[in-house]
Amino acid sequence: MSAEDRAQEIELQEWERNNKSRPAPVKYQPGDAGYGPAECVNCDAEMPAARRGHGFDVCVACKTEAELVGKRYAR
């Protein structure tokens, strides 16, 4: 097998891996085990229903702050 044939085979494998179907994100309903809490676990702010439905337990402000702190220390 030539190097070009092998490269095409690898490219095809990568394309198939990148383009395989992915499972739909989970959307929880009130009362489900994965449904998020009514208040943020960090600051006790009210959690929006959309974030609760995806199972998040922190508000957008707390998540943003945590990501910024993480990026600061990653450097």
C-alpha atoms as a PDB file:
ATOM      1  CA  MET A   1       0.000   0.000   0.000  1.00  0.00           C
ATOM      2  CA  SER A   2       1.457   3.334  -0.998  1.00  0.00           C
ATOM      3  CA  ALA A   3       1.746   6.292   1.356  1.00  0.00           C
ATOM      4  CA  GLU A   4      -0.938   8.141  -0.631  1.00  0.00           C
ATOM      5  CA  ASP A   5      -3.389   5.239  -0.279  1.00  0.00           C
ATOM      6  CA  ARG A   6      -2.709   5.053   3.463  1.00  0.00           C
ATOM      7  CA  ALA A   7      -3.216   8.829   3.808  1.00  0.00           C
ATOM      8  CA  GLN A   8      -6.564   8.602   2.014  1.00  0.00           C
ATOM      9  CA  GLU A   9      -7.603   5.713   4.252  1.00  0.00           C
ATOM     10  CA  ILE A  10      -6.724   7.717   7.377  1.00  0.00           C
ATOM     11  CA  GLU A  11      -8.565  10.756   6.036  1.00  0.00           C
ATOM     12  CA  LEU A  12     -11.666   8.641   5.381  1.00  0.00           C
ATOM     13  CA  GLN A  13     -11.537   7.199   8.918  1.00  0.00           C
ATOM     14  CA  GLU A  14     -11.279  10.706  10.391  1.00  0.00           C
ATOM     15  CA  TRP A  15     -14.154  11.948   8.220  1.00  0.00           C
ATOM     16  CA  GLU A  16     -16.353   9.034   9.323  1.00  0.00           C
ATOM     17  CA  ARG A  17     -15.477   9.625  12.983  1.00  0.00           C
ATOM     18  CA  ASN A  18     -16.185  13.368  12.756  1.00  0.00           C
ATOM     19  CA  ASN A  19     -19.450  12.936  10.865  1.00  0.00           C
ATOM     20  CA  LYS A  20     -21.069  10.083  12.784  1.00  0.00           C
ATOM     21  CA  SER A  21     -24.434  10.861  14.305  1.00  0.00           C
ATOM     22  CA  ARG A  22     -24.416  12.163  17.836  1.00  0.00           C
ATOM     23  CA  PRO A  23     -27.059  11.553  20.467  1.00  0.00           C
ATOM     24  CA  ALA A  24     -29.528  14.357  21.077  1.00  0.00           C
ATOM     25  CA  PRO A  25     -28.889  16.396  24.223  1.00  0.00           C
ATOM     26  CA  VAL A  26     -30.877  15.307  27.247  1.00  0.00           C
ATOM     27  CA  LYS A  27     -33.747  17.606  28.226  1.00  0.00           C
ATOM     28  CA  TYR A  28     -35.125  16.871  31.683  1.00  0.00           C
ATOM     29  CA  GLN A  29     -38.677  17.631  32.774  1.00  0.00           C
ATOM     30  CA  PRO A  30     -39.678  18.915  36.229  1.00  0.00           C
ATOM     31  CA  GLY A  31     -39.723  15.968  38.579  1.00  0.00           C
ATOM     32  CA  ASP A  32     -37.028  14.007  36.707  1.00  0.00           C
ATOM     33  CA  ALA A  33     -33.941  12.968  38.656  1.00  0.00           C
ATOM     34  CA  GLY A  34     -31.613  15.083  36.492  1.00  0.00           C
ATOM     35  CA  TYR A  35     -33.682  18.293  36.613  1.00  0.00           C
ATOM     36  CA  GLY A  36     -31.623  21.135  38.078  1.00  0.00           C
ATOM     37  CA  PRO A  37     -32.221  22.841  41.428  1.00  0.00           C
ATOM     38  CA  ALA A  38     -34.456  25.905  41.853  1.00  0.00           C
ATOM     39  CA  GLU A  39     -31.512  27.993  43.105  1.00  0.00           C
ATOM     40  CA  CYS A  40     -27.861  28.178  42.067  1.00  0.00           C
ATOM     41  CA  VAL A  41     -25.713  26.042  44.374  1.00  0.00           C
ATOM     42  CA  ASN A  42     -23.047  28.797  44.532  1.00  0.00           C
ATOM     43  CA  CYS A  43     -24.940  32.068  44.963  1.00  0.00           C
ATOM     44  CA  ASP A  44     -28.568  31.045  45.675  1.00  0.00           C
ATOM     45  CA  ALA A  45     -29.827  33.032  42.651  1.00  0.00           C
ATOM     46  CA  GLU A  46     -32.943  31.714  40.938  1.00  0.00           C
ATOM     47  CA  MET A  47     -32.123  29.239  38.188  1.00  0.00           C
ATOM     48  CA  PRO A  48     -33.846  29.735  34.809  1.00  0.00           C
ATOM     49  CA  ALA A  49     -36.042  26.843  33.682  1.00  0.00           C
ATOM     50  CA  ALA A  50     -33.917  26.330  30.545  1.00  0.00           C
ATOM     51  CA  ARG A  51     -30.757  25.712  32.600  1.00  0.00           C
ATOM     52  CA  ARG A  52     -32.633  23.489  35.027  1.00  0.00           C
ATOM     53  CA  GLY A  53     -34.004  21.478  32.099  1.00  0.00           C
ATOM     54  CA  HIS A  54     -30.472  20.680  30.956  1.00  0.00           C
ATOM     55  CA  GLY A  55     -29.463  19.588  34.442  1.00  0.00           C
ATOM     56  CA  PHE A  56     -27.178  22.508  35.323  1.00  0.00           C
ATOM     57  CA  ASP A  57     -26.767  23.369  38.980  1.00  0.00           C
ATOM     58  CA  VAL A  58     -25.030  26.768  38.699  1.00  0.00           C
ATOM     59  CA  CYS A  59     -26.271  30.005  37.120  1.00  0.00           C
ATOM     60  CA  VAL A  60     -24.682  31.620  34.071  1.00  0.00           C
ATOM     61  CA  ALA A  61     -22.851  34.242  36.146  1.00  0.00           C
ATOM     62  CA  CYS A  62     -21.227  31.630  38.418  1.00  0.00           C
ATOM     63  CA  LYS A  63     -20.304  29.395  35.473  1.00  0.00           C
ATOM     64  CA  THR A  64     -18.754  32.318  33.596  1.00  0.00           C
ATOM     65  CA  GLU A  65     -16.773  33.349  36.659  1.00  0.00           C
ATOM     66  CA  ALA A  66     -15.502  29.793  37.166  1.00  0.00           C
ATOM     67  CA  GLU A  67     -14.427  29.553  33.516  1.00  0.00           C
ATOM     68  CA  LEU A  68     -12.594  32.884  33.713  1.00  0.00           C
ATOM     69  CA  VAL A  69     -10.785  31.837  36.888  1.00  0.00           C
ATOM     70  CA  GLY A  70      -9.857  28.538  35.250  1.00  0.00           C
ATOM     71  CA  LYS A  71      -8.434  30.303  32.201  1.00  0.00           C
ATOM     72  CA  ARG A  72      -6.491  32.694  34.430  1.00  0.00           C
ATOM     73  CA  TYR A  73      -4.754  29.833  36.219  1.00  0.00           C
ATOM     74  CA  ALA A  74      -4.217  27.794  33.050  1.00  0.00           C
ATOM     75  CA  ARG A  75      -1.664  30.234  31.716  1.00  0.00           C
END
